[in-house]
Amino acid sequence: MNDRLADIRLLLMDVDGVMTDGGIIYDGNGVETKVFNVKDGHGIKMLQRYGIEVGIITGRTSKVVDIRAKELGIEIVYQGALKKIDCYNDIKRKTGLSDSQIAYMGDDVIDVPVMHRVIFSATPFDALIEVRNIAHYISPLAGGRGAVRDVCDLILKGRGFWGEVSGRYEL
């Protein structure tokens, strides 16, 4: 596992079912709301602090995703991505990164083509069985319930940053 994580420079992920529990709430005016996990957000910020970029590729389009991405300083955001592999190839072209430097976290069949390409693929434990079957790592946590944080911590450990991270917090 550490061999797969040693050179990760970018974590890409889906939103619904990964960064959230997959639920979508609409208010009486039809305004969409999603619930994000603050621990996941802290994990993302820690990755960024150690030079690991984070990006989003989601099949849906939502203003809430733009707001969360901006709040977390995520600049790579692709929404309405019905063919995520095309977005993935565009990201590789723009960043100059190779498959061996990119991790991806998804939970549904739309994520599988990208998961097959990256050096490290992860999924929440409540993902579809087909996705769990091909993932390199299955988080023991659910989407929107700390699974992203779990993967962020795993990457930080695999990159050798965990001692410094934990030292900051006197763990």
C-alpha atoms as a PDB file:
ATOM      1  CA  MET A   1       0.000   0.000   0.000  1.00  0.00           C
ATOM      2  CA  ASN A   2       2.746   2.491   0.917  1.00  0.00           C
ATOM      3  CA  ASP A   3       4.321   1.969  -2.528  1.00  0.00           C
ATOM      4  CA  ARG A   4       1.080   3.208  -4.086  1.00  0.00           C
ATOM      5  CA  LEU A   5       0.944   6.235  -1.782  1.00  0.00           C
ATOM      6  CA  ALA A   6       4.607   7.272  -1.831  1.00  0.00           C
ATOM      7  CA  ASP A   7       4.370   9.694  -4.758  1.00  0.00           C
ATOM      8  CA  ILE A   8       0.755  10.918  -4.564  1.00  0.00           C
ATOM      9  CA  ARG A   9       0.595  14.595  -5.578  1.00  0.00           C
ATOM     10  CA  LEU A  10      -3.151  14.897  -6.216  1.00  0.00           C
ATOM     11  CA  LEU A  11      -6.286  13.430  -4.634  1.00  0.00           C
ATOM     12  CA  LEU A  12      -9.353  13.608  -6.849  1.00  0.00           C
ATOM     13  CA  MET A  13     -12.774  12.685  -5.550  1.00  0.00           C
ATOM     14  CA  ASP A  14     -16.446  12.485  -6.247  1.00  0.00           C
ATOM     15  CA  VAL A  15     -18.889  14.481  -4.104  1.00  0.00           C
ATOM     16  CA  ASP A  16     -22.205  12.672  -3.588  1.00  0.00           C
ATOM     17  CA  GLY A  17     -21.558   9.499  -1.623  1.00  0.00           C
ATOM     18  CA  VAL A  18     -17.920  10.430  -0.935  1.00  0.00           C
ATOM     19  CA  MET A  19     -17.737  13.975   0.431  1.00  0.00           C
ATOM     20  CA  THR A  20     -21.404  13.654   1.443  1.00  0.00           C
ATOM     21  CA  ASP A  21     -23.596  10.732   2.475  1.00  0.00           C
ATOM     22  CA  GLY A  22     -25.293  10.950  -0.922  1.00  0.00           C
ATOM     23  CA  GLY A  23     -28.403  12.669   0.404  1.00  0.00           C
ATOM     24  CA  ILE A  24     -29.696  15.807  -1.227  1.00  0.00           C
ATOM     25  CA  ILE A  25     -31.980  18.188   0.628  1.00  0.00           C
ATOM     26  CA  TYR A  26     -34.210  20.709  -1.144  1.00  0.00           C
ATOM     27  CA  ASP A  27     -35.864  23.543   0.752  1.00  0.00           C
ATOM     28  CA  GLY A  28     -39.344  24.889  -0.055  1.00  0.00           C
ATOM     29  CA  ASN A  29     -37.847  27.119  -2.748  1.00  0.00           C
ATOM     30  CA  GLY A  30     -36.038  24.256  -4.464  1.00  0.00           C
ATOM     31  CA  VAL A  31     -32.631  25.330  -3.139  1.00  0.00           C
ATOM     32  CA  GLU A  32     -30.286  22.364  -2.806  1.00  0.00           C
ATOM     33  CA  THR A  33     -28.383  21.677   0.392  1.00  0.00           C
ATOM     34  CA  LYS A  34     -25.725  19.088   1.151  1.00  0.00           C
ATOM     35  CA  VAL A  35     -24.114  18.124   4.437  1.00  0.00           C
ATOM     36  CA  PHE A  36     -20.307  17.995   4.459  1.00  0.00           C
ATOM     37  CA  ASN A  37     -18.154  16.553   7.233  1.00  0.00           C
ATOM     38  CA  VAL A  38     -15.829  19.028   8.962  1.00  0.00           C
ATOM     39  CA  LYS A  39     -13.283  16.248   9.653  1.00  0.00           C
ATOM     40  CA  ASP A  40     -13.120  15.516   5.927  1.00  0.00           C
ATOM     41  CA  GLY A  41     -12.512  19.216   5.333  1.00  0.00           C
ATOM     42  CA  HIS A  42      -9.671  19.262   7.862  1.00  0.00           C
ATOM     43  CA  GLY A  43      -8.107  16.242   6.177  1.00  0.00           C
ATOM     44  CA  ILE A  44      -8.245  18.054   2.833  1.00  0.00           C
ATOM     45  CA  LYS A  45      -6.606  21.143   4.342  1.00  0.00           C
ATOM     46  CA  MET A  46      -3.840  18.988   5.857  1.00  0.00           C
ATOM     47  CA  LEU A  47      -3.114  17.415   2.469  1.00  0.00           C
ATOM     48  CA  GLN A  48      -2.890  20.864   0.911  1.00  0.00           C
ATOM     49  CA  ARG A  49      -0.588  22.043   3.698  1.00  0.00           C
ATOM     50  CA  TYR A  50       1.828  19.273   2.683  1.00  0.00           C
ATOM     51  CA  GLY A  51       1.719  20.109  -1.023  1.00  0.00           C
ATOM     52  CA  ILE A  52      -0.839  17.538  -2.106  1.00  0.00           C
ATOM     53  CA  GLU A  53      -3.485  19.081  -4.344  1.00  0.00           C
ATOM     54  CA  VAL A  54      -7.140  18.110  -4.089  1.00  0.00           C
ATOM     55  CA  GLY A  55      -9.737  18.157  -6.839  1.00  0.00           C
ATOM     56  CA  ILE A  56     -13.367  17.297  -7.451  1.00  0.00           C
ATOM     57  CA  ILE A  57     -14.983  15.473 -10.357  1.00  0.00           C
ATOM     58  CA  THR A  58     -18.741  15.134  -9.895  1.00  0.00           C
ATOM     59  CA  GLY A  59     -21.514  14.037 -12.207  1.00  0.00           C
ATOM     60  CA  ARG A  60     -24.013  16.490 -10.766  1.00  0.00           C
ATOM     61  CA  THR A  61     -23.903  20.271 -10.896  1.00  0.00           C
ATOM     62  CA  SER A  62     -24.513  22.167  -7.678  1.00  0.00           C
ATOM     63  CA  LYS A  63     -23.764  25.662  -6.408  1.00  0.00           C
ATOM     64  CA  VAL A  64     -23.174  24.094  -2.993  1.00  0.00           C
ATOM     65  CA  VAL A  65     -20.160  22.222  -4.421  1.00  0.00           C
ATOM     66  CA  ASP A  66     -18.672  25.489  -5.693  1.00  0.00           C
ATOM     67  CA  ILE A  67     -19.119  27.032  -2.252  1.00  0.00           C
ATOM     68  CA  ARG A  68     -17.503  24.075  -0.440  1.00  0.00           C
ATOM     69  CA  ALA A  69     -14.637  23.905  -2.933  1.00  0.00           C
ATOM     70  CA  LYS A  70     -13.935  27.616  -2.531  1.00  0.00           C
ATOM     71  CA  GLU A  71     -14.078  27.322   1.250  1.00  0.00           C
ATOM     72  CA  LEU A  72     -11.498  24.511   1.150  1.00  0.00           C
ATOM     73  CA  GLY A  73      -9.280  26.126  -1.481  1.00  0.00           C
ATOM     74  CA  ILE A  74      -9.972  23.413  -4.042  1.00  0.00           C
ATOM     75  CA  GLU A  75      -9.272  24.876  -7.466  1.00  0.00           C
ATOM     76  CA  ILE A  76      -9.735  21.759  -9.603  1.00  0.00           C
ATOM     77  CA  VAL A  77     -13.506  21.393  -9.867  1.00  0.00           C
ATOM     78  CA  TYR A  78     -15.369  19.604 -12.644  1.00  0.00           C
ATOM     79  CA  GLN A  79     -19.167  19.456 -12.335  1.00  0.00           C
ATOM     80  CA  GLY A  80     -21.700  17.869 -14.663  1.00  0.00           C
ATOM     81  CA  ALA A  81     -19.049  15.313 -15.568  1.00  0.00           C
ATOM     82  CA  LEU A  82     -20.943  12.416 -17.084  1.00  0.00           C
ATOM     83  CA  LYS A  83     -17.742  10.946 -18.521  1.00  0.00           C
ATOM     84  CA  LYS A  84     -15.263  11.446 -15.684  1.00  0.00           C
ATOM     85  CA  ILE A  85     -12.358   9.899 -17.575  1.00  0.00           C
ATOM     86  CA  ASP A  86     -12.409  12.886 -19.963  1.00  0.00           C
ATOM     87  CA  CYS A  87     -12.114  15.271 -17.006  1.00  0.00           C
ATOM     88  CA  TYR A  88      -9.349  13.115 -15.562  1.00  0.00           C
ATOM     89  CA  ASN A  89      -7.386  13.277 -18.820  1.00  0.00           C
ATOM     90  CA  ASP A  90      -7.870  17.058 -18.931  1.00  0.00           C
ATOM     91  CA  ILE A  91      -6.579  17.374 -15.358  1.00  0.00           C
ATOM     92  CA  LYS A  92      -3.511  15.290 -16.221  1.00  0.00           C
ATOM     93  CA  ARG A  93      -2.831  17.462 -19.246  1.00  0.00           C
ATOM     94  CA  LYS A  94      -3.186  20.698 -17.245  1.00  0.00           C
ATOM     95  CA  THR A  95      -1.184  19.559 -14.207  1.00  0.00           C
ATOM     96  CA  GLY A  96       1.462  17.498 -15.990  1.00  0.00           C
ATOM     97  CA  LEU A  97       0.919  14.712 -13.462  1.00  0.00           C
ATOM     98  CA  SER A  98       0.931  11.032 -14.369  1.00  0.00           C
ATOM     99  CA  ASP A  99      -1.351   8.209 -13.257  1.00  0.00           C
ATOM    100  CA  SER A 100       1.340   7.197 -10.754  1.00  0.00           C
ATOM    101  CA  GLN A 101       0.940  10.523  -8.906  1.00  0.00           C
ATOM    102  CA  ILE A 102      -2.845  10.626  -8.634  1.00  0.00           C
ATOM    103  CA  ALA A 103      -5.294   9.061  -6.176  1.00  0.00           C
ATOM    104  CA  TYR A 104      -9.042   8.927  -6.697  1.00  0.00           C
ATOM    105  CA  MET A 105     -11.948   8.311  -4.340  1.00  0.00           C
ATOM    106  CA  GLY A 106     -15.325   7.336  -5.765  1.00  0.00           C
ATOM    107  CA  ASP A 107     -18.371   5.310  -4.853  1.00  0.00           C
ATOM    108  CA  ASP A 108     -20.390   4.526  -7.987  1.00  0.00           C
ATOM    109  CA  VAL A 109     -19.953   2.948 -11.429  1.00  0.00           C
ATOM    110  CA  ILE A 110     -19.348   6.359 -13.028  1.00  0.00           C
ATOM    111  CA  ASP A 111     -16.079   6.490 -11.037  1.00  0.00           C
ATOM    112  CA  VAL A 112     -14.717   3.113 -12.153  1.00  0.00           C
ATOM    113  CA  PRO A 113     -12.885   4.221 -15.349  1.00  0.00           C
ATOM    114  CA  VAL A 114     -10.831   6.761 -13.372  1.00  0.00           C
ATOM    115  CA  MET A 115     -10.274   4.315 -10.510  1.00  0.00           C
ATOM    116  CA  HIS A 116      -8.755   1.852 -13.000  1.00  0.00           C
ATOM    117  CA  ARG A 117      -6.216   4.458 -14.157  1.00  0.00           C
ATOM    118  CA  VAL A 118      -4.841   5.943 -10.928  1.00  0.00           C
ATOM    119  CA  ILE A 119      -2.074   4.482  -8.789  1.00  0.00           C
ATOM    120  CA  PHE A 120      -4.349   4.480  -5.733  1.00  0.00           C
ATOM    121  CA  SER A 121      -8.136   4.211  -5.670  1.00  0.00           C
ATOM    122  CA  ALA A 122     -10.289   4.350  -2.559  1.00  0.00           C
ATOM    123  CA  THR A 123     -13.948   4.120  -1.696  1.00  0.00           C
ATOM    124  CA  PRO A 124     -16.197   4.510   1.345  1.00  0.00           C
ATOM    125  CA  PHE A 125     -17.421   1.241   2.849  1.00  0.00           C
ATOM    126  CA  ASP A 126     -20.988   1.991   1.728  1.00  0.00           C
ATOM    127  CA  ALA A 127     -20.052   2.258  -1.967  1.00  0.00           C
ATOM    128  CA  LEU A 128     -21.508  -0.066  -4.591  1.00  0.00           C
ATOM    129  CA  ILE A 129     -20.094  -3.591  -4.452  1.00  0.00           C
ATOM    130  CA  GLU A 130     -18.691  -3.194  -7.987  1.00  0.00           C
ATOM    131  CA  VAL A 131     -16.658  -0.207  -6.817  1.00  0.00           C
ATOM    132  CA  ARG A 132     -15.500  -1.899  -3.620  1.00  0.00           C
ATOM    133  CA  ASN A 133     -14.349  -4.856  -5.716  1.00  0.00           C
ATOM    134  CA  ILE A 134     -11.885  -2.759  -7.734  1.00  0.00           C
ATOM    135  CA  ALA A 135     -10.721  -0.243  -5.103  1.00  0.00           C
ATOM    136  CA  HIS A 136      -7.231  -0.534  -3.665  1.00  0.00           C
ATOM    137  CA  TYR A 137      -8.605   0.617  -0.314  1.00  0.00           C
ATOM    138  CA  ILE A 138     -12.051   0.513   1.282  1.00  0.00           C
ATOM    139  CA  SER A 139     -12.437   2.980   4.122  1.00  0.00           C
ATOM    140  CA  PRO A 140     -14.162   1.572   7.197  1.00  0.00           C
ATOM    141  CA  LEU A 141     -16.150   4.837   7.232  1.00  0.00           C
ATOM    142  CA  ALA A 142     -19.126   5.882   5.135  1.00  0.00           C
ATOM    143  CA  GLY A 143     -19.296   8.648   2.580  1.00  0.00           C
ATOM    144  CA  GLY A 144     -19.842  11.990   4.288  1.00  0.00           C
ATOM    145  CA  ARG A 145     -18.992  10.363   7.609  1.00  0.00           C
ATOM    146  CA  GLY A 146     -15.214  10.632   7.679  1.00  0.00           C
ATOM    147  CA  ALA A 147     -14.191   8.411   4.747  1.00  0.00           C
ATOM    148  CA  VAL A 148     -12.405  11.301   3.013  1.00  0.00           C
ATOM    149  CA  ARG A 149     -10.506  12.129   6.205  1.00  0.00           C
ATOM    150  CA  ASP A 150      -9.520   8.471   6.540  1.00  0.00           C
ATOM    151  CA  VAL A 151      -8.038   8.513   3.035  1.00  0.00           C
ATOM    152  CA  CYS A 152      -6.320  11.877   3.609  1.00  0.00           C
ATOM    153  CA  ASP A 153      -4.650  10.496   6.739  1.00  0.00           C
ATOM    154  CA  LEU A 154      -3.638   7.350   4.838  1.00  0.00           C
ATOM    155  CA  ILE A 155      -2.008   9.442   2.101  1.00  0.00           C
ATOM    156  CA  LEU A 156      -0.195  11.618   4.657  1.00  0.00           C
ATOM    157  CA  LYS A 157       1.127   8.476   6.354  1.00  0.00           C
ATOM    158  CA  GLY A 158       2.114   6.905   3.026  1.00  0.00           C
ATOM    159  CA  ARG A 159       3.954  10.066   1.993  1.00  0.00           C
ATOM    160  CA  GLY A 160       5.844  10.092   5.311  1.00  0.00           C
ATOM    161  CA  PHE A 161       4.230  13.279   6.643  1.00  0.00           C
ATOM    162  CA  TRP A 162       2.224  11.778   9.505  1.00  0.00           C
ATOM    163  CA  GLY A 163       4.931  12.221  12.150  1.00  0.00           C
ATOM    164  CA  GLU A 164       5.076  15.934  11.425  1.00  0.00           C
ATOM    165  CA  VAL A 165       1.283  16.186  11.230  1.00  0.00           C
ATOM    166  CA  SER A 166       0.744  14.406  14.523  1.00  0.00           C
ATOM    167  CA  GLY A 167       3.542  16.415  16.116  1.00  0.00           C
ATOM    168  CA  ARG A 168       1.667  19.621  15.344  1.00  0.00           C
ATOM    169  CA  TYR A 169      -1.213  18.333  17.416  1.00  0.00           C
ATOM    170  CA  GLU A 170       0.856  16.527  20.052  1.00  0.00           C
ATOM    171  CA  LEU A 171      -0.806  13.176  19.438  1.00  0.00           C
END
